[in-house]
Protein backbone atom coordinates (compact mmCIF):
# COMPACT_ATOMS: atom_id res chain seq x y z
CA MET A 1 92.12 106.43 -29.19
CA ALA A 2 89.92 103.42 -29.67
CA TYR A 3 90.05 102.07 -26.16
CA LEU A 4 88.84 105.54 -25.07
CA TYR A 5 85.79 105.32 -27.37
CA LEU A 6 85.12 101.83 -25.80
CA LEU A 7 85.11 103.21 -22.30
CA LEU A 8 82.88 105.96 -23.51
CA SER A 9 80.54 103.62 -24.96
CA SER A 10 80.32 101.59 -21.87
CA ILE A 11 79.76 104.88 -19.92
CA CYS A 12 77.04 105.76 -21.95
CA SER A 13 75.67 102.11 -21.58
CA LEU A 14 75.56 102.44 -17.91
CA THR A 15 74.36 105.90 -17.82
CA ILE A 16 71.02 104.49 -19.48
CA ALA A 17 70.84 101.82 -17.15
CA HIS A 18 71.38 104.21 -13.81
CA LEU A 19 68.51 106.42 -15.64
CA LEU A 20 66.13 103.57 -16.34
CA LYS A 21 66.33 102.38 -12.76
CA VAL A 22 65.47 106.12 -11.54
CA THR A 23 62.74 106.04 -13.97
CA GLU A 24 61.45 102.66 -12.23
CA SER A 25 62.19 104.09 -8.51
CA ARG A 26 60.35 107.41 -9.23
CA ASN A 27 57.42 105.19 -10.36
CA LEU A 28 57.43 107.09 -13.85
CA ARG A 29 55.86 105.48 -16.95
CA THR A 30 58.88 103.83 -18.48
CA LEU A 31 56.93 103.82 -22.28
CA ASN A 32 56.18 107.44 -21.96
CA THR A 33 60.18 108.36 -20.85
CA LEU A 34 61.54 105.80 -23.61
CA THR A 35 59.31 107.49 -26.46
CA VAL A 36 60.62 110.98 -25.55
CA ASN A 37 64.26 109.31 -25.34
CA TYR A 38 63.51 108.15 -28.76
CA LEU A 39 62.37 111.40 -30.30
CA VAL A 40 65.50 113.19 -29.00
CA ALA A 41 68.17 110.77 -30.23
CA GLY A 42 66.22 110.08 -33.58
CA VAL A 43 66.33 113.73 -34.35
CA PHE A 44 69.80 114.40 -33.53
CA ALA A 45 70.99 111.22 -35.39
CA LEU A 46 68.99 112.44 -38.36
CA PHE A 47 70.14 115.90 -38.08
CA VAL A 48 73.76 114.83 -37.75
CA GLY A 49 73.68 112.08 -40.30
CA TYR A 50 71.90 113.54 -43.04
CA THR A 51 73.82 113.73 -46.48
CA GLY A 52 71.35 114.96 -49.15
CA ALA A 53 69.41 112.79 -51.61
CA LEU A 54 69.27 109.04 -51.55
CA SER A 55 71.38 107.01 -53.73
CA ALA A 56 69.87 105.36 -56.72
CA THR A 57 70.37 101.89 -55.26
CA LEU A 58 68.83 102.87 -51.94
CA SER A 59 65.68 104.49 -53.60
CA SER A 60 64.73 101.40 -55.46
CA HIS A 61 64.69 99.37 -52.00
CA ILE A 62 63.08 102.21 -49.95
CA THR A 63 60.03 100.45 -48.75
CA VAL A 64 62.09 97.51 -47.96
CA LEU A 65 64.14 99.60 -45.59
CA LEU A 66 61.12 101.52 -43.93
CA ILE A 67 59.78 98.20 -42.87
CA PHE A 68 63.11 96.97 -41.92
CA CYS A 69 63.66 100.00 -39.62
CA ALA A 70 60.10 99.85 -38.20
CA VAL A 71 60.65 96.36 -37.27
CA VAL A 72 64.00 96.94 -35.37
CA GLY A 73 62.32 99.87 -33.67
CA ALA A 74 59.78 97.87 -32.26
CA PHE A 75 62.60 95.49 -30.85
CA PHE A 76 64.52 98.64 -29.47
CA ILE A 77 61.44 100.09 -27.77
CA GLY A 78 59.93 96.60 -26.51
CA ASN A 79 63.38 95.56 -25.43
CA PHE A 80 64.41 98.88 -23.19
CA VAL A 81 60.78 98.29 -21.76
CA ALA A 82 61.61 94.97 -20.47
CA TYR A 83 65.39 96.20 -19.48
CA SER A 84 63.72 99.36 -17.32
CA LYS A 85 61.52 96.94 -15.60
CA SER A 86 64.49 94.21 -14.79
CA VAL A 87 67.14 96.78 -13.72
CA HIS A 88 64.44 97.57 -10.99
CA ALA A 89 63.58 93.99 -10.35
CA ASN A 90 66.81 91.80 -10.90
CA GLY A 91 69.20 94.55 -10.40
CA VAL A 92 71.56 96.54 -12.78
CA GLY A 93 74.60 93.74 -12.72
CA ILE A 94 72.28 90.94 -13.71
CA THR A 95 70.41 92.36 -16.12
CA ILE A 96 73.41 93.74 -18.19
CA ALA A 97 75.15 90.45 -17.82
CA ALA A 98 71.98 88.85 -19.66
CA MET A 99 72.01 91.62 -22.29
CA ARG A 100 75.39 91.12 -23.30
CA LEU A 101 74.62 87.41 -23.25
CA SER A 102 72.23 88.04 -26.21
CA LEU A 103 75.43 88.41 -28.62
CA LEU A 104 74.27 84.42 -29.13
CA VAL A 105 71.68 85.53 -31.21
CA PRO A 106 73.81 87.44 -33.80
CA VAL A 107 76.42 85.14 -33.56
CA VAL A 108 74.02 82.23 -34.83
CA ILE A 109 72.50 84.14 -37.58
CA SER A 110 75.82 85.06 -38.98
CA ILE A 111 76.63 81.33 -39.07
CA TYR A 112 73.73 80.34 -40.78
CA TRP A 113 72.69 83.28 -42.53
CA TYR A 114 75.63 84.59 -43.86
CA ALA A 115 77.73 81.14 -43.60
CA GLU A 116 80.33 82.61 -40.93
CA TYR A 117 82.43 79.60 -39.53
CA LEU A 118 81.68 78.37 -36.21
CA ASN A 119 84.62 76.76 -34.26
CA ALA A 120 85.16 74.88 -31.25
CA ILE A 121 85.88 78.21 -29.32
CA LYS A 122 82.37 79.36 -30.65
CA ILE A 123 80.88 76.22 -29.44
CA ILE A 124 82.15 76.44 -25.87
CA GLY A 125 80.74 79.83 -25.77
CA ILE A 126 77.39 79.13 -27.01
CA ILE A 127 77.36 76.49 -24.18
CA GLY A 128 78.56 78.82 -21.70
CA VAL A 129 75.83 81.44 -22.64
CA PHE A 130 73.46 78.64 -21.69
CA GLY A 131 74.89 77.72 -18.63
CA ALA A 132 75.25 81.48 -17.38
CA MET A 133 71.88 82.25 -18.42
CA ILE A 134 71.05 79.46 -15.80
CA LEU A 135 72.90 81.24 -13.08
CA LEU A 136 71.97 84.18 -13.88
CA ILE A 137 68.13 83.87 -13.24
CA PRO A 138 67.08 84.55 -9.66
CA LYS A 139 64.30 82.62 -8.03
CA LYS A 140 61.92 85.86 -7.76
CA ASN A 141 58.94 83.85 -8.89
CA ASN A 142 56.77 85.77 -6.43
CA ILE A 143 58.00 89.33 -7.62
CA LYS A 144 55.71 90.12 -10.35
CA ILE A 145 55.83 92.93 -13.06
CA GLY A 146 52.16 92.61 -14.01
CA SER A 147 51.49 88.98 -14.63
CA ILE A 148 54.99 88.43 -15.74
CA SER A 149 57.80 86.85 -13.36
CA ALA A 150 60.64 89.35 -12.66
CA SER A 151 62.89 86.20 -13.68
CA TRP A 152 61.50 85.54 -17.24
CA LEU A 153 62.56 89.30 -17.88
CA LEU A 154 65.68 88.17 -18.41
CA VAL A 155 64.81 85.84 -20.85
CA GLY A 156 62.87 88.48 -22.78
CA ILE A 157 65.83 90.72 -22.49
CA PHE A 158 68.19 88.13 -23.83
CA VAL A 159 65.76 87.53 -26.92
CA LEU A 160 64.94 91.06 -27.86
CA THR A 161 68.41 92.43 -27.45
CA GLY A 162 69.71 89.29 -29.49
CA PHE A 163 67.39 90.36 -32.48
CA ALA A 164 68.06 94.11 -31.84
CA ASP A 165 71.60 93.47 -32.44
CA ALA A 166 71.26 90.88 -35.05
CA SER A 167 69.16 93.93 -37.02
CA LEU A 168 72.49 95.78 -36.77
CA LYS A 169 74.49 92.81 -38.56
CA ILE A 170 71.67 92.75 -41.29
CA TYR A 171 72.08 96.54 -41.80
CA GLU A 172 75.77 96.07 -42.07
CA GLU A 173 75.43 93.32 -44.87
CA GLU A 174 72.40 94.74 -46.78
CA PHE A 175 72.28 98.74 -46.44
CA SER A 176 75.66 99.99 -45.00
CA THR A 177 77.06 100.79 -48.59
CA ASN A 178 74.31 103.22 -49.62
CA LEU A 179 73.45 104.77 -45.83
CA ASN A 180 75.39 105.85 -43.19
CA GLU A 181 75.09 104.63 -39.57
CA LEU A 182 73.60 107.71 -37.82
CA THR A 183 70.95 107.84 -40.54
CA PHE A 184 70.31 104.38 -39.99
CA MET A 185 69.78 104.64 -36.22
CA GLY A 186 68.15 108.18 -36.55
CA LEU A 187 65.25 106.15 -38.66
CA VAL A 188 65.20 103.21 -36.32
CA PHE A 189 64.97 105.80 -33.22
CA THR A 190 61.98 107.58 -35.36
CA ALA A 191 59.92 104.04 -35.63
CA ALA A 192 60.47 103.35 -31.99
CA PHE A 193 59.27 106.82 -31.01
CA VAL A 194 56.25 106.60 -33.49
CA ILE A 195 55.45 103.13 -31.82
CA GLY A 196 55.63 104.26 -28.33
CA LEU A 197 53.62 107.58 -29.04
CA VAL A 198 50.67 105.75 -30.58
CA ILE A 199 50.70 103.15 -27.39
CA SER A 200 51.21 106.07 -25.16
CA LEU A 201 48.16 107.97 -26.65
CA PHE A 202 45.81 105.10 -25.53
CA GLN A 203 46.90 105.27 -21.89
CA LYS A 204 45.22 107.30 -19.27
CA GLY A 205 46.60 110.29 -17.87
CA LYS A 206 48.54 113.18 -19.10
CA LEU A 207 50.71 112.21 -22.11
CA ILE A 208 54.23 113.36 -21.02
CA THR A 209 54.81 114.58 -17.71
CA ARG A 210 57.87 117.06 -16.65
CA GLN A 211 59.83 114.68 -15.29
CA GLU A 212 59.30 111.94 -18.27
CA ALA A 213 60.46 114.56 -20.30
CA ILE A 214 63.58 115.32 -18.50
CA LEU A 215 64.48 111.59 -18.22
CA GLY A 216 63.58 110.74 -21.35
CA THR A 217 65.72 114.11 -22.92
CA ALA A 218 68.58 112.42 -20.71
CA ILE A 219 68.51 108.91 -21.67
CA GLY A 220 68.44 110.13 -25.18
CA ILE A 221 71.83 111.57 -26.06
CA PRO A 222 73.86 108.45 -24.49
CA ASN A 223 71.37 106.21 -26.14
CA LEU A 224 72.69 107.35 -29.46
CA TYR A 225 76.15 107.87 -28.48
CA SER A 226 76.76 104.47 -27.16
CA SER A 227 76.62 103.42 -30.74
CA ILE A 228 78.37 106.37 -32.30
CA PHE A 229 81.59 105.69 -29.91
CA LEU A 230 81.37 101.95 -30.49
CA ILE A 231 81.43 102.95 -34.31
CA TYR A 232 84.32 105.34 -33.90
CA ALA A 233 86.20 102.73 -31.56
CA LEU A 234 85.73 100.06 -34.59
CA GLY A 235 87.36 102.44 -37.31
CA GLY A 236 90.80 101.99 -35.00
CA ILE A 237 90.52 98.35 -33.61
CA SER A 238 89.01 94.94 -35.07
CA GLY A 239 85.37 93.89 -33.87
CA SER A 240 86.94 90.86 -32.67
CA VAL A 241 88.85 93.25 -29.84
CA ALA A 242 86.11 95.83 -29.64
CA TYR A 243 83.02 93.88 -29.18
CA PRO A 244 84.12 91.68 -25.91
CA VAL A 245 86.38 94.28 -24.25
CA VAL A 246 82.84 96.80 -24.41
CA ASN A 247 80.72 93.90 -23.49
CA ILE A 248 83.16 92.78 -20.56
CA LEU A 249 83.09 96.37 -19.18
CA ASN A 250 79.42 96.88 -19.19
CA VAL A 251 79.05 93.55 -17.31
CA LEU A 252 81.51 94.69 -14.65
CA GLY A 253 80.42 98.24 -14.70
CA GLY A 254 76.88 97.17 -14.37
CA THR A 255 77.42 95.06 -11.27
CA LEU A 256 79.42 97.51 -9.65
CA LEU A 257 77.03 100.30 -10.27
CA GLY A 258 73.95 97.94 -9.10
CA LEU A 259 76.12 97.30 -5.84
CA PHE A 260 77.52 100.78 -4.78
CA ILE A 261 75.02 102.91 -5.92
CA TRP A 262 71.67 100.86 -5.66
CA ASP A 263 72.41 98.52 -3.05
CA ASP A 264 71.89 95.48 -5.40
CA THR A 265 72.06 91.94 -4.26
CA VAL A 266 74.01 89.48 -5.86
CA THR A 267 73.93 85.79 -4.89
CA ARG A 268 77.17 83.45 -5.34
CA LYS A 269 75.21 81.53 -7.82
CA GLN A 270 74.80 85.05 -9.56
CA TRP A 271 78.62 85.96 -9.19
CA ALA A 272 79.25 82.76 -10.99
CA GLY A 273 76.85 83.63 -13.47
CA ILE A 274 78.69 86.68 -14.38
CA GLY A 275 81.79 85.17 -14.20
CA ALA A 276 80.48 82.61 -16.71
CA ALA A 277 79.07 85.62 -18.69
CA ILE A 278 82.50 87.35 -19.38
CA ILE A 279 84.14 84.03 -20.26
CA ALA A 280 81.16 82.88 -22.84
CA ILE A 281 81.17 86.52 -24.58
CA THR A 282 85.04 86.49 -24.94
CA LEU A 283 84.54 82.96 -26.59
CA LEU A 284 81.81 84.15 -28.81
CA LEU A 285 83.91 86.91 -30.00
């Protein structure tokens, strides 16, 4: 059953990538669409995850928790904006591969902050991450997203996703005994919604169009359940098995989605980068 949950988690992640590509292809406003997504996901997570009064331990640290959730929410929405732009400019498979390589960030934080062991295999995996990134980054300096080169979006996704994933490790170590996963994710998504709403209010035009609302709602549920299904899977198999499997499924599925649905072009160099990414992911976990 655990492997079914991993497959469902991957399907949810690929659904998000596809819908963000749709958002960009229809020239809809990404931030506004994501704001609706986080409203839907946040309300649903808080409704399902609510367990009543906070524990005494958590109540004494509520300010720290809320600040932490706000910071994580900023990482989440910033990452998804960059992710949406990148799937449109760089392709689905390459963008997902860059996102999954960001596992390096929580690994390094786990080693230096929580004194986890770094063995020779993980060192090779870390070197592999940098090699894969070099191979994946396309020569698209002529393609601009605003004033940013499309190539730099992959670097931005790598960093932002890495810190977003690292925040989940911090939650696991510092807050998980007093706050369940759904409530935590609900607080993070709510913070991301507030940040997106405030920025959207300063934009010209209608706050939310009908198409943005529909796509945002459609993204919200798989966005939440990609994490929930992974949590379910972790209840049946170890993280050392679950994380490599789901990330490799995402890289392979994203590549196929880009090739067969969106006619993405992948160079030989980038195929090598995708292969190196799969190997590096396996070694890191």
